[in-house]
Every structure is written in structure tokens, then in C-alpha cells.
Amino acid sequence: QVQLVESGGGSVQAGGALRLSCAGTGRSLNAYCMAWFRQAPGKEREGVAIMDIEGRTKYADSGTGRFTFSKDYAKNAVSLQMDTAKPEDTATYYCVARFRRPWDPCMVFSDYEKQILDNTWGRGIQVTVSS
């Protein structure tokens, strides 16, 4: 099973940019659909972005136009570029890998939150955006 480790978090001022990375070990991420989630203090966890194995992406409204999900096949990693950061982006960000099944379109956020073996979560990384 794949293991995930997030990196690149930290603090940034509003309007700035930050790039989160998620490295996979143990298995190739080419077999997985990937997603980013986040959870702010006192708030429910929410989906941020999804990428299927063909590279198609889906963004939550909160990140549309500001976030870019990309994949580095050589490094077996994915990244989330966060531009024009806002204080409301402050949260712990999680990388998620979902093993691709033929019948699974991979584009439903809630599917990544199911407690099943097909879903693997990283430990999370903190992002703080100051105003």
C-alpha cells in the first residue's frame, strides 16, 4: 500500500503563494486518483481538489482560479500550488490517494473520506495565512 508524506507547508501573508507537495512511497501514484483536503480549527474537513489518473482535475469553489493541482511522475509526487492565499485558507492540509477502480470516476470528494483500504491519507501539514 502506498504511504504519503506532505511537505511545503508553513506561513504566508495574504496574497502570497505556497506550494504543497505530497510524495508517495511503496507504490506508484500512477495507480491512484489523488486529492487534497483541509481542515481548519473548529470547522469540518473539506475537499480542496481532485486529480484522476488521466490528470483531469476538479476544484472546490474555494480554490477555483487560485489553486493548481499537478503531478510529477518522475518524483512520484503531486503538488498543490496555492496562489493569492487568503486567511480562510489557514488549515491543516491532507493528501489522499484513492486506488483507481474501473467503475470509479474518482471525482466525488466524499468517496475519499470513506474508511476503506482503497483510501490512504497523509498525516497532514499546517498552512497559515496571515492578514
N, C-alpha and C. Protein backbone atom coordinates (compact mmCIF):
# COMPACT_ATOMS: atom_id res chain seq x y z
N GLN A 1 0.85 -1.19 0.00
CA GLN A 1 0.00 0.00 0.00
C GLN A 1 0.88 1.24 0.00
N VAL A 2 0.41 2.27 -0.61
CA VAL A 2 1.19 3.48 -0.71
C VAL A 2 1.20 4.23 0.61
N GLN A 3 2.29 4.92 0.89
CA GLN A 3 2.38 5.85 2.01
C GLN A 3 2.58 7.24 1.46
N LEU A 4 2.02 8.23 2.17
CA LEU A 4 2.06 9.61 1.69
C LEU A 4 2.68 10.52 2.74
N VAL A 5 3.52 11.44 2.26
CA VAL A 5 4.12 12.41 3.16
C VAL A 5 4.00 13.79 2.53
N GLU A 6 3.33 14.69 3.26
CA GLU A 6 3.17 16.06 2.77
C GLU A 6 4.35 16.93 3.20
N SER A 7 4.63 17.93 2.40
CA SER A 7 5.69 18.90 2.73
C SER A 7 5.34 20.24 2.09
N GLY A 8 6.06 21.27 2.51
CA GLY A 8 5.89 22.58 1.90
C GLY A 8 4.97 23.52 2.63
N GLY A 9 4.40 23.07 3.72
CA GLY A 9 3.52 23.96 4.46
C GLY A 9 4.29 25.05 5.17
N GLY A 10 3.55 25.90 5.85
CA GLY A 10 4.19 26.98 6.58
C GLY A 10 3.30 28.19 6.63
N SER A 11 3.92 29.35 6.77
CA SER A 11 3.18 30.60 6.91
C SER A 11 3.42 31.49 5.71
N VAL A 12 2.37 32.18 5.33
CA VAL A 12 2.45 33.11 4.21
C VAL A 12 1.49 34.25 4.47
N GLN A 13 1.80 35.40 3.94
CA GLN A 13 0.89 36.54 4.09
C GLN A 13 -0.21 36.46 3.04
N ALA A 14 -1.32 37.04 3.36
CA ALA A 14 -2.43 37.08 2.42
C ALA A 14 -1.97 37.68 1.10
N GLY A 15 -2.40 37.02 0.02
CA GLY A 15 -1.97 37.46 -1.30
C GLY A 15 -0.74 36.74 -1.80
N GLY A 16 -0.06 36.04 -0.90
CA GLY A 16 1.14 35.32 -1.28
C GLY A 16 0.83 33.95 -1.83
N ALA A 17 1.89 33.18 -2.03
CA ALA A 17 1.75 31.85 -2.63
C ALA A 17 2.49 30.81 -1.79
N LEU A 18 2.00 29.60 -1.89
CA LEU A 18 2.60 28.48 -1.18
C LEU A 18 2.40 27.24 -2.03
N ARG A 19 3.36 26.33 -1.98
CA ARG A 19 3.25 25.11 -2.76
C ARG A 19 3.38 23.91 -1.84
N LEU A 20 2.35 23.11 -1.80
CA LEU A 20 2.36 21.88 -1.01
C LEU A 20 2.73 20.70 -1.91
N SER A 21 3.50 19.81 -1.37
CA SER A 21 3.85 18.60 -2.10
C SER A 21 3.47 17.37 -1.31
N CYS A 22 3.25 16.30 -2.02
CA CYS A 22 2.88 15.02 -1.40
C CYS A 22 3.64 13.93 -2.12
N ALA A 23 4.56 13.30 -1.42
CA ALA A 23 5.37 12.24 -2.02
C ALA A 23 4.82 10.88 -1.66
N GLY A 24 4.75 10.02 -2.64
CA GLY A 24 4.27 8.66 -2.41
C GLY A 24 5.43 7.68 -2.36
N THR A 25 5.35 6.74 -1.44
CA THR A 25 6.34 5.67 -1.36
C THR A 25 5.62 4.34 -1.26
N GLY A 26 6.29 3.31 -1.71
CA GLY A 26 5.71 1.97 -1.62
C GLY A 26 5.02 1.53 -2.89
N ARG A 27 4.36 2.42 -3.58
CA ARG A 27 3.69 2.10 -4.83
C ARG A 27 3.68 3.34 -5.70
N SER A 28 3.53 3.12 -6.99
CA SER A 28 3.45 4.24 -7.92
C SER A 28 2.11 4.94 -7.78
N LEU A 29 2.15 6.27 -7.76
CA LEU A 29 0.92 7.04 -7.70
C LEU A 29 0.15 6.99 -9.01
N ASN A 30 0.74 6.41 -10.03
CA ASN A 30 0.04 6.30 -11.31
C ASN A 30 -1.21 5.43 -11.21
N ALA A 31 -1.28 4.60 -10.17
CA ALA A 31 -2.44 3.73 -9.99
C ALA A 31 -3.51 4.37 -9.12
N TYR A 32 -3.30 5.63 -8.75
CA TYR A 32 -4.19 6.27 -7.78
C TYR A 32 -4.75 7.58 -8.31
N CYS A 33 -5.99 7.82 -7.94
CA CYS A 33 -6.54 9.15 -8.04
C CYS A 33 -6.09 9.88 -6.77
N MET A 34 -5.87 11.18 -6.89
CA MET A 34 -5.33 11.92 -5.76
C MET A 34 -6.25 13.08 -5.38
N ALA A 35 -6.17 13.46 -4.13
CA ALA A 35 -6.99 14.58 -3.67
C ALA A 35 -6.27 15.32 -2.55
N TRP A 36 -6.67 16.56 -2.37
CA TRP A 36 -6.26 17.37 -1.23
C TRP A 36 -7.51 17.74 -0.44
N PHE A 37 -7.40 17.59 0.87
CA PHE A 37 -8.43 18.02 1.79
C PHE A 37 -7.80 19.00 2.78
N ARG A 38 -8.64 19.71 3.50
CA ARG A 38 -8.13 20.59 4.54
C ARG A 38 -9.14 20.65 5.68
N GLN A 39 -8.61 20.97 6.84
CA GLN A 39 -9.47 21.15 8.00
C GLN A 39 -8.95 22.31 8.82
N ALA A 40 -9.80 23.30 8.99
CA ALA A 40 -9.47 24.46 9.81
C ALA A 40 -9.96 24.23 11.23
N PRO A 41 -9.34 24.86 12.20
CA PRO A 41 -9.77 24.69 13.59
C PRO A 41 -11.24 25.01 13.77
N GLY A 42 -11.96 24.08 14.38
CA GLY A 42 -13.37 24.29 14.65
C GLY A 42 -14.28 24.12 13.46
N LYS A 43 -13.72 23.69 12.35
CA LYS A 43 -14.53 23.52 11.14
C LYS A 43 -14.45 22.07 10.65
N GLU A 44 -15.41 21.71 9.83
CA GLU A 44 -15.40 20.38 9.24
C GLU A 44 -14.34 20.29 8.15
N ARG A 45 -13.88 19.09 7.97
CA ARG A 45 -12.93 18.83 6.89
C ARG A 45 -13.63 19.03 5.55
N GLU A 46 -12.89 19.57 4.59
CA GLU A 46 -13.49 19.81 3.29
C GLU A 46 -12.51 19.43 2.18
N GLY A 47 -13.08 19.01 1.07
CA GLY A 47 -12.26 18.70 -0.09
C GLY A 47 -11.80 19.96 -0.77
N VAL A 48 -10.58 19.94 -1.29
CA VAL A 48 -9.99 21.09 -1.95
C VAL A 48 -9.83 20.85 -3.45
N ALA A 49 -9.28 19.71 -3.79
CA ALA A 49 -9.02 19.43 -5.21
C ALA A 49 -8.87 17.93 -5.42
N ILE A 50 -9.18 17.49 -6.63
CA ILE A 50 -9.05 16.09 -7.03
C ILE A 50 -8.33 16.02 -8.37
N MET A 51 -7.54 14.98 -8.53
CA MET A 51 -6.95 14.68 -9.84
C MET A 51 -7.10 13.19 -10.11
N ASP A 52 -7.69 12.83 -11.27
CA ASP A 52 -7.81 11.41 -11.58
C ASP A 52 -6.53 10.93 -12.26
N ILE A 53 -6.49 9.64 -12.61
CA ILE A 53 -5.23 9.10 -13.13
C ILE A 53 -4.92 9.61 -14.53
N GLU A 54 -5.93 10.16 -15.21
CA GLU A 54 -5.67 10.76 -16.52
C GLU A 54 -5.22 12.21 -16.41
N GLY A 55 -5.20 12.73 -15.19
CA GLY A 55 -4.76 14.11 -15.00
C GLY A 55 -5.86 15.14 -15.01
N ARG A 56 -7.09 14.69 -15.11
CA ARG A 56 -8.21 15.63 -15.05
C ARG A 56 -8.37 16.11 -13.62
N THR A 57 -8.72 17.37 -13.47
CA THR A 57 -8.80 17.95 -12.13
C THR A 57 -10.19 18.53 -11.85
N LYS A 58 -10.45 18.61 -10.55
CA LYS A 58 -11.69 19.22 -10.06
C LYS A 58 -11.31 20.02 -8.83
N TYR A 59 -11.85 21.22 -8.72
CA TYR A 59 -11.55 22.08 -7.58
C TYR A 59 -12.83 22.47 -6.86
N ALA A 60 -12.72 22.57 -5.55
CA ALA A 60 -13.79 23.15 -4.78
C ALA A 60 -13.87 24.63 -5.11
N ASP A 61 -15.03 25.22 -4.87
CA ASP A 61 -15.22 26.64 -5.19
C ASP A 61 -14.18 27.51 -4.48
N SER A 62 -13.78 27.09 -3.29
CA SER A 62 -12.85 27.89 -2.50
C SER A 62 -11.49 28.04 -3.18
N GLY A 63 -11.13 27.09 -4.03
CA GLY A 63 -9.81 27.13 -4.65
C GLY A 63 -9.81 27.39 -6.15
N THR A 64 -10.99 27.42 -6.74
CA THR A 64 -11.07 27.62 -8.19
C THR A 64 -10.44 28.95 -8.59
N GLY A 65 -9.52 28.86 -9.54
CA GLY A 65 -8.84 30.06 -10.01
C GLY A 65 -7.61 30.44 -9.20
N ARG A 66 -7.44 29.85 -8.03
CA ARG A 66 -6.29 30.17 -7.18
C ARG A 66 -5.37 28.96 -6.94
N PHE A 67 -5.94 27.77 -6.95
CA PHE A 67 -5.17 26.56 -6.67
C PHE A 67 -4.93 25.79 -7.96
N THR A 68 -3.76 25.16 -8.04
CA THR A 68 -3.44 24.33 -9.19
C THR A 68 -2.87 23.00 -8.71
N PHE A 69 -3.49 21.94 -9.15
CA PHE A 69 -3.10 20.58 -8.78
C PHE A 69 -2.25 20.02 -9.91
N SER A 70 -1.06 19.53 -9.57
CA SER A 70 -0.19 18.99 -10.61
C SER A 70 0.45 17.70 -10.13
N LYS A 71 1.03 16.97 -11.07
CA LYS A 71 1.64 15.69 -10.76
C LYS A 71 3.04 15.63 -11.36
N ASP A 72 3.96 15.10 -10.59
CA ASP A 72 5.33 14.91 -11.06
C ASP A 72 5.58 13.41 -11.12
N TYR A 73 5.46 12.84 -12.31
CA TYR A 73 5.57 11.40 -12.46
C TYR A 73 6.96 10.90 -12.08
N ALA A 74 7.97 11.69 -12.39
CA ALA A 74 9.35 11.25 -12.12
C ALA A 74 9.60 11.14 -10.62
N LYS A 75 8.99 12.04 -9.85
CA LYS A 75 9.20 12.05 -8.40
C LYS A 75 8.14 11.26 -7.64
N ASN A 76 7.16 10.71 -8.36
CA ASN A 76 6.05 10.00 -7.71
C ASN A 76 5.40 10.89 -6.66
N ALA A 77 5.07 12.09 -7.10
CA ALA A 77 4.54 13.07 -6.16
C ALA A 77 3.48 13.92 -6.84
N VAL A 78 2.67 14.56 -6.03
CA VAL A 78 1.72 15.55 -6.52
C VAL A 78 1.94 16.84 -5.75
N SER A 79 1.45 17.93 -6.31
CA SER A 79 1.62 19.23 -5.67
C SER A 79 0.34 20.03 -5.76
N LEU A 80 0.17 20.92 -4.81
CA LEU A 80 -0.93 21.87 -4.82
C LEU A 80 -0.32 23.27 -4.72
N GLN A 81 -0.40 24.01 -5.80
CA GLN A 81 0.08 25.38 -5.82
C GLN A 81 -1.06 26.28 -5.36
N MET A 82 -0.80 27.03 -4.30
CA MET A 82 -1.81 27.91 -3.74
C MET A 82 -1.37 29.34 -4.01
N ASP A 83 -2.10 30.02 -4.85
CA ASP A 83 -1.81 31.41 -5.17
C ASP A 83 -2.86 32.32 -4.56
N THR A 84 -2.52 33.58 -4.43
CA THR A 84 -3.43 34.57 -3.87
C THR A 84 -4.06 34.03 -2.58
N ALA A 85 -3.19 33.61 -1.68
CA ALA A 85 -3.66 32.99 -0.44
C ALA A 85 -4.52 33.95 0.37
N LYS A 86 -5.50 33.36 1.07
CA LYS A 86 -6.42 34.12 1.91
C LYS A 86 -6.34 33.59 3.34
N PRO A 87 -6.64 34.42 4.33
CA PRO A 87 -6.64 33.93 5.72
C PRO A 87 -7.54 32.71 5.91
N GLU A 88 -8.62 32.64 5.17
CA GLU A 88 -9.53 31.49 5.30
C GLU A 88 -8.94 30.20 4.72
N ASP A 89 -7.79 30.28 4.08
CA ASP A 89 -7.09 29.08 3.63
C ASP A 89 -6.30 28.43 4.76
N THR A 90 -6.22 29.10 5.89
CA THR A 90 -5.50 28.55 7.04
C THR A 90 -6.15 27.25 7.49
N ALA A 91 -5.36 26.18 7.51
CA ALA A 91 -5.89 24.86 7.83
C ALA A 91 -4.75 23.85 7.82
N THR A 92 -5.08 22.66 8.27
CA THR A 92 -4.19 21.51 8.06
C THR A 92 -4.60 20.87 6.74
N TYR A 93 -3.64 20.67 5.87
CA TYR A 93 -3.92 20.12 4.54
C TYR A 93 -3.47 18.67 4.48
N TYR A 94 -4.32 17.84 3.89
CA TYR A 94 -4.07 16.41 3.80
C TYR A 94 -4.05 15.96 2.34
N CYS A 95 -3.10 15.12 2.04
CA CYS A 95 -3.03 14.48 0.73
C CYS A 95 -3.69 13.11 0.84
N VAL A 96 -4.47 12.74 -0.16
CA VAL A 96 -5.19 11.47 -0.14
C VAL A 96 -4.97 10.74 -1.46
N ALA A 97 -4.71 9.45 -1.38
CA ALA A 97 -4.60 8.61 -2.57
C ALA A 97 -5.74 7.60 -2.57
N ARG A 98 -6.41 7.49 -3.69
CA ARG A 98 -7.53 6.56 -3.82
C ARG A 98 -7.21 5.60 -4.96
N PHE A 99 -7.08 4.32 -4.62
CA PHE A 99 -6.75 3.32 -5.63
C PHE A 99 -7.82 3.30 -6.70
N ARG A 100 -7.41 3.43 -7.93
CA ARG A 100 -8.35 3.56 -9.03
C ARG A 100 -8.99 2.22 -9.36
N ARG A 101 -10.32 2.18 -9.32
CA ARG A 101 -11.10 1.03 -9.74
C ARG A 101 -11.77 1.38 -11.06
N PRO A 102 -12.00 0.40 -11.95
CA PRO A 102 -12.56 0.71 -13.27
C PRO A 102 -13.88 1.45 -13.23
N TRP A 103 -14.69 1.17 -12.21
CA TRP A 103 -16.02 1.77 -12.15
C TRP A 103 -16.04 3.10 -11.40
N ASP A 104 -14.90 3.54 -10.93
CA ASP A 104 -14.84 4.72 -10.05
C ASP A 104 -14.40 5.94 -10.85
N PRO A 105 -15.24 6.95 -10.98
CA PRO A 105 -14.86 8.16 -11.72
C PRO A 105 -13.86 9.03 -10.95
N CYS A 106 -13.75 8.76 -9.64
CA CYS A 106 -12.75 9.45 -8.82
C CYS A 106 -13.05 10.91 -8.54
N MET A 107 -14.18 11.44 -8.96
CA MET A 107 -14.41 12.88 -8.88
C MET A 107 -15.40 13.28 -7.79
N VAL A 108 -15.61 12.41 -6.81
CA VAL A 108 -16.51 12.72 -5.71
C VAL A 108 -15.69 12.85 -4.44
N PHE A 109 -15.71 14.03 -3.84
CA PHE A 109 -14.89 14.26 -2.64
C PHE A 109 -15.21 13.27 -1.52
N SER A 110 -16.46 13.03 -1.29
CA SER A 110 -16.85 12.19 -0.16
C SER A 110 -16.32 10.76 -0.28
N ASP A 111 -16.08 10.29 -1.49
CA ASP A 111 -15.54 8.94 -1.67
C ASP A 111 -14.15 8.80 -1.05
N TYR A 112 -13.40 9.88 -1.00
CA TYR A 112 -12.05 9.83 -0.45
C TYR A 112 -12.07 9.77 1.08
N GLU A 113 -13.20 10.08 1.67
CA GLU A 113 -13.29 10.08 3.14
C GLU A 113 -13.79 8.76 3.70
N LYS A 114 -14.13 7.85 2.83
CA LYS A 114 -14.61 6.55 3.30
C LYS A 114 -13.45 5.78 3.91
N GLN A 115 -13.76 5.12 5.01
CA GLN A 115 -12.74 4.36 5.72
C GLN A 115 -12.60 2.98 5.08
N ILE A 116 -11.93 2.98 3.93
CA ILE A 116 -11.72 1.74 3.20
C ILE A 116 -10.25 1.64 2.82
N LEU A 117 -9.82 0.43 2.50
CA LEU A 117 -8.41 0.20 2.20
C LEU A 117 -7.97 0.92 0.94
N ASP A 118 -8.90 1.24 0.05
CA ASP A 118 -8.53 1.93 -1.18
C ASP A 118 -8.07 3.36 -0.93
N ASN A 119 -8.40 3.91 0.21
CA ASN A 119 -8.06 5.30 0.52
C ASN A 119 -6.91 5.36 1.52
N THR A 120 -5.91 6.15 1.18
CA THR A 120 -4.76 6.36 2.04
C THR A 120 -4.57 7.85 2.27
N TRP A 121 -4.45 8.22 3.54
CA TRP A 121 -4.29 9.63 3.90
C TRP A 121 -2.89 9.89 4.41
N GLY A 122 -2.36 11.08 4.08
CA GLY A 122 -1.14 11.53 4.71
C GLY A 122 -1.44 12.06 6.10
N ARG A 123 -0.40 12.45 6.81
CA ARG A 123 -0.58 12.92 8.19
C ARG A 123 -1.03 14.37 8.25
N GLY A 124 -0.87 15.08 7.20
CA GLY A 124 -1.30 16.46 7.17
C GLY A 124 -0.16 17.44 7.40
N ILE A 125 -0.37 18.65 6.93
CA ILE A 125 0.63 19.69 7.10
C ILE A 125 -0.08 21.03 7.28
N GLN A 126 0.48 21.85 8.15
CA GLN A 126 -0.17 23.11 8.51
C GLN A 126 0.16 24.21 7.52
N VAL A 127 -0.89 24.94 7.17
CA VAL A 127 -0.75 26.16 6.36
C VAL A 127 -1.41 27.30 7.12
N THR A 128 -0.68 28.38 7.29
CA THR A 128 -1.21 29.55 7.98
C THR A 128 -1.06 30.77 7.09
N VAL A 129 -2.17 31.43 6.86
CA VAL A 129 -2.17 32.64 6.03
C VAL A 129 -2.54 33.81 6.94
N SER A 130 -1.64 34.75 7.05
CA SER A 130 -1.87 35.90 7.91
C SER A 130 -2.36 37.10 7.10
N SER A 131 -3.20 37.88 7.74
CA SER A 131 -3.77 39.03 7.05
C SER A 131 -2.91 40.26 7.21
